[in-house]
Amino acid sequence: MAVMQAESGCDSTSDNTGLNRDGSNDKGLFQINSIHRDLIGDTERFDPARNIDVAFQIYRGAKYNWTPWSAYNSGAYLKYLN
């Protein structure tokens, strides 16, 4: 929840198109990057249930850690921990 809050403010319509230097974009609750198009379609990233499901798949594929998310790597998620 803390990573999701830091990534999107828990806003399922969050869209950072144009902000990534490499031309990719992040959308939805967990800001799923467009490089994951093999897991989820572009507009599908705005669907909360699908976004969370794919975030879990990415988390699991990263050997059960949050390193794929910049909010984790930067420590931005820490202020949302209870």
N, C-alpha and C. Protein backbone atom coordinates (compact mmCIF):
# COMPACT_ATOMS: atom_id res chain seq x y z
N MET A 1 0.82 -1.19 0.00
CA MET A 1 0.00 0.00 0.00
C MET A 1 0.87 1.25 0.00
N ALA A 2 1.96 1.22 0.76
CA ALA A 2 2.83 2.40 0.83
C ALA A 2 3.48 2.69 -0.53
N VAL A 3 3.89 1.66 -1.24
CA VAL A 3 4.48 1.85 -2.57
C VAL A 3 3.43 2.41 -3.52
N MET A 4 2.22 1.86 -3.47
CA MET A 4 1.15 2.34 -4.34
C MET A 4 0.82 3.81 -4.04
N GLN A 5 0.74 4.16 -2.76
CA GLN A 5 0.46 5.54 -2.37
C GLN A 5 1.55 6.49 -2.90
N ALA A 6 2.78 6.08 -2.76
CA ALA A 6 3.89 6.92 -3.23
C ALA A 6 3.94 7.01 -4.75
N GLU A 7 3.58 5.93 -5.42
CA GLU A 7 3.63 5.92 -6.89
C GLU A 7 2.52 6.75 -7.52
N SER A 8 1.27 6.59 -7.04
CA SER A 8 0.14 7.21 -7.73
C SER A 8 -0.80 8.02 -6.84
N GLY A 9 -0.53 8.03 -5.53
CA GLY A 9 -1.49 8.66 -4.62
C GLY A 9 -2.78 7.87 -4.56
N CYS A 10 -2.72 6.59 -4.90
CA CYS A 10 -3.88 5.69 -4.96
C CYS A 10 -4.92 6.17 -5.97
N ASP A 11 -4.45 6.81 -7.03
CA ASP A 11 -5.30 7.31 -8.10
C ASP A 11 -5.15 6.38 -9.30
N SER A 12 -6.20 5.62 -9.59
CA SER A 12 -6.12 4.64 -10.68
C SER A 12 -6.02 5.29 -12.05
N THR A 13 -6.27 6.61 -12.14
CA THR A 13 -6.17 7.31 -13.44
C THR A 13 -4.82 8.01 -13.61
N SER A 14 -3.92 7.80 -12.67
CA SER A 14 -2.61 8.45 -12.73
C SER A 14 -1.85 8.02 -13.99
N ASP A 15 -1.28 9.00 -14.68
CA ASP A 15 -0.63 8.77 -15.97
C ASP A 15 0.57 9.70 -16.09
N ASN A 16 1.77 9.14 -16.23
CA ASN A 16 2.95 9.99 -16.34
C ASN A 16 3.51 10.06 -17.76
N THR A 17 2.64 9.88 -18.74
CA THR A 17 3.08 9.92 -20.14
C THR A 17 3.91 11.17 -20.40
N GLY A 18 5.08 10.97 -21.00
CA GLY A 18 5.97 12.07 -21.32
C GLY A 18 7.00 12.39 -20.26
N LEU A 19 6.96 11.71 -19.12
CA LEU A 19 7.89 12.02 -18.03
C LEU A 19 9.13 11.14 -18.00
N ASN A 20 9.07 9.93 -18.56
CA ASN A 20 10.23 9.05 -18.53
C ASN A 20 11.20 9.41 -19.65
N ARG A 21 12.46 9.51 -19.32
CA ARG A 21 13.50 9.89 -20.29
C ARG A 21 13.64 8.91 -21.44
N ASP A 22 13.31 7.65 -21.19
CA ASP A 22 13.48 6.63 -22.23
C ASP A 22 12.27 6.51 -23.17
N GLY A 23 11.26 7.36 -22.99
CA GLY A 23 10.08 7.33 -23.84
C GLY A 23 8.99 6.40 -23.36
N SER A 24 9.25 5.61 -22.33
CA SER A 24 8.22 4.74 -21.77
C SER A 24 7.28 5.58 -20.90
N ASN A 25 6.19 4.99 -20.45
CA ASN A 25 5.29 5.71 -19.55
C ASN A 25 4.76 4.77 -18.49
N ASP A 26 4.27 5.35 -17.42
CA ASP A 26 3.74 4.60 -16.28
C ASP A 26 2.30 5.02 -16.05
N LYS A 27 1.43 4.03 -15.77
CA LYS A 27 0.02 4.33 -15.60
C LYS A 27 -0.60 3.49 -14.50
N GLY A 28 -1.63 4.05 -13.87
CA GLY A 28 -2.43 3.32 -12.90
C GLY A 28 -1.90 3.36 -11.49
N LEU A 29 -2.52 2.57 -10.63
CA LEU A 29 -2.22 2.57 -9.20
C LEU A 29 -0.75 2.34 -8.89
N PHE A 30 -0.16 1.32 -9.48
CA PHE A 30 1.24 0.99 -9.24
C PHE A 30 2.16 1.54 -10.32
N GLN A 31 1.62 2.43 -11.17
CA GLN A 31 2.41 3.04 -12.23
C GLN A 31 3.15 1.99 -13.04
N ILE A 32 2.40 1.02 -13.56
CA ILE A 32 2.98 -0.05 -14.38
C ILE A 32 3.56 0.57 -15.65
N ASN A 33 4.82 0.26 -15.91
CA ASN A 33 5.53 0.83 -17.05
C ASN A 33 5.10 0.16 -18.35
N SER A 34 5.13 0.94 -19.43
CA SER A 34 4.73 0.45 -20.75
C SER A 34 5.62 -0.68 -21.26
N ILE A 35 6.79 -0.88 -20.69
CA ILE A 35 7.64 -2.01 -21.11
C ILE A 35 7.00 -3.36 -20.78
N HIS A 36 5.99 -3.35 -19.93
CA HIS A 36 5.32 -4.59 -19.52
C HIS A 36 4.10 -4.90 -20.39
N ARG A 37 4.13 -4.46 -21.64
CA ARG A 37 2.98 -4.68 -22.53
C ARG A 37 2.70 -6.16 -22.79
N ASP A 38 3.67 -7.03 -22.49
CA ASP A 38 3.41 -8.46 -22.61
C ASP A 38 2.52 -8.96 -21.48
N LEU A 39 2.43 -8.20 -20.40
CA LEU A 39 1.61 -8.57 -19.24
C LEU A 39 0.27 -7.84 -19.20
N ILE A 40 0.22 -6.62 -19.75
CA ILE A 40 -0.98 -5.79 -19.61
C ILE A 40 -1.05 -4.78 -20.74
N GLY A 41 -2.25 -4.56 -21.24
CA GLY A 41 -2.46 -3.58 -22.31
C GLY A 41 -2.39 -2.16 -21.79
N ASP A 42 -2.25 -1.22 -22.72
CA ASP A 42 -2.08 0.18 -22.36
C ASP A 42 -3.24 0.71 -21.51
N THR A 43 -4.46 0.64 -22.01
CA THR A 43 -5.59 1.17 -21.24
C THR A 43 -5.95 0.28 -20.06
N GLU A 44 -5.59 -0.99 -20.15
CA GLU A 44 -5.84 -1.93 -19.06
C GLU A 44 -5.09 -1.53 -17.78
N ARG A 45 -4.00 -0.78 -17.94
CA ARG A 45 -3.23 -0.35 -16.77
C ARG A 45 -4.04 0.55 -15.86
N PHE A 46 -5.13 1.15 -16.37
CA PHE A 46 -6.00 1.99 -15.55
C PHE A 46 -7.03 1.19 -14.76
N ASP A 47 -7.17 -0.09 -15.06
CA ASP A 47 -8.10 -0.95 -14.32
C ASP A 47 -7.43 -1.34 -13.00
N PRO A 48 -8.02 -0.92 -11.87
CA PRO A 48 -7.36 -1.17 -10.57
C PRO A 48 -7.02 -2.64 -10.31
N ALA A 49 -7.96 -3.54 -10.56
CA ALA A 49 -7.70 -4.96 -10.28
C ALA A 49 -6.58 -5.51 -11.16
N ARG A 50 -6.59 -5.20 -12.44
CA ARG A 50 -5.54 -5.68 -13.35
C ARG A 50 -4.19 -5.06 -12.98
N ASN A 51 -4.19 -3.77 -12.64
CA ASN A 51 -2.95 -3.08 -12.28
C ASN A 51 -2.32 -3.74 -11.06
N ILE A 52 -3.12 -4.03 -10.06
CA ILE A 52 -2.60 -4.67 -8.85
C ILE A 52 -2.12 -6.08 -9.15
N ASP A 53 -2.87 -6.82 -9.97
CA ASP A 53 -2.48 -8.18 -10.35
C ASP A 53 -1.12 -8.18 -11.05
N VAL A 54 -0.95 -7.27 -12.00
CA VAL A 54 0.31 -7.21 -12.74
C VAL A 54 1.44 -6.71 -11.83
N ALA A 55 1.15 -5.79 -10.94
CA ALA A 55 2.17 -5.34 -9.98
C ALA A 55 2.68 -6.52 -9.16
N PHE A 56 1.77 -7.40 -8.76
CA PHE A 56 2.19 -8.59 -8.01
C PHE A 56 3.05 -9.50 -8.88
N GLN A 57 2.68 -9.66 -10.14
CA GLN A 57 3.48 -10.48 -11.05
C GLN A 57 4.90 -9.91 -11.19
N ILE A 58 4.99 -8.59 -11.31
CA ILE A 58 6.31 -7.94 -11.43
C ILE A 58 7.09 -8.11 -10.13
N TYR A 59 6.43 -7.89 -9.01
CA TYR A 59 7.04 -8.07 -7.68
C TYR A 59 7.57 -9.49 -7.53
N ARG A 60 6.75 -10.46 -7.90
CA ARG A 60 7.15 -11.86 -7.80
C ARG A 60 8.32 -12.17 -8.74
N GLY A 61 8.28 -11.61 -9.93
CA GLY A 61 9.35 -11.82 -10.90
C GLY A 61 10.67 -11.18 -10.49
N ALA A 62 10.58 -10.19 -9.60
CA ALA A 62 11.79 -9.53 -9.09
C ALA A 62 12.28 -10.24 -7.82
N LYS A 63 11.91 -11.50 -7.70
CA LYS A 63 12.29 -12.32 -6.55
C LYS A 63 11.73 -11.76 -5.26
N TYR A 64 10.45 -11.36 -5.33
CA TYR A 64 9.69 -10.88 -4.17
C TYR A 64 10.32 -9.65 -3.52
N ASN A 65 10.56 -8.64 -4.34
CA ASN A 65 11.00 -7.35 -3.79
C ASN A 65 10.43 -6.22 -4.62
N TRP A 66 10.57 -5.02 -4.12
CA TRP A 66 9.96 -3.83 -4.71
C TRP A 66 10.91 -3.03 -5.58
N THR A 67 12.10 -3.55 -5.89
CA THR A 67 13.08 -2.76 -6.63
C THR A 67 12.64 -2.26 -8.00
N PRO A 68 11.64 -2.87 -8.67
CA PRO A 68 11.20 -2.28 -9.94
C PRO A 68 10.50 -0.93 -9.80
N TRP A 69 10.16 -0.50 -8.58
CA TRP A 69 9.44 0.75 -8.37
C TRP A 69 10.35 1.85 -7.83
N SER A 70 10.33 2.97 -8.51
CA SER A 70 11.20 4.10 -8.11
C SER A 70 10.83 4.63 -6.74
N ALA A 71 9.55 4.56 -6.35
CA ALA A 71 9.14 5.04 -5.02
C ALA A 71 9.77 4.20 -3.91
N TYR A 72 10.05 2.95 -4.21
CA TYR A 72 10.75 2.09 -3.25
C TYR A 72 12.23 2.46 -3.23
N ASN A 73 12.83 2.52 -4.39
CA ASN A 73 14.27 2.78 -4.49
C ASN A 73 14.66 4.15 -3.92
N SER A 74 13.77 5.12 -4.06
CA SER A 74 14.06 6.47 -3.55
C SER A 74 13.71 6.63 -2.07
N GLY A 75 12.96 5.67 -1.54
CA GLY A 75 12.51 5.76 -0.15
C GLY A 75 11.24 6.60 0.02
N ALA A 76 10.63 7.05 -1.09
CA ALA A 76 9.43 7.89 -1.02
C ALA A 76 8.27 7.17 -0.33
N TYR A 77 8.25 5.86 -0.38
CA TYR A 77 7.17 5.07 0.22
C TYR A 77 7.19 5.12 1.75
N LEU A 78 8.35 5.40 2.33
CA LEU A 78 8.52 5.33 3.79
C LEU A 78 7.56 6.22 4.55
N LYS A 79 7.21 7.37 4.02
CA LYS A 79 6.32 8.29 4.74
C LYS A 79 4.89 7.77 4.80
N TYR A 80 4.57 6.70 4.04
CA TYR A 80 3.23 6.14 4.05
C TYR A 80 3.11 4.89 4.93
N LEU A 81 4.19 4.49 5.55
CA LEU A 81 4.16 3.33 6.45
C LEU A 81 3.56 3.76 7.79
N ASN A 82 2.75 2.91 8.36
CA ASN A 82 2.16 3.21 9.67
C ASN A 82 3.10 2.82 10.78
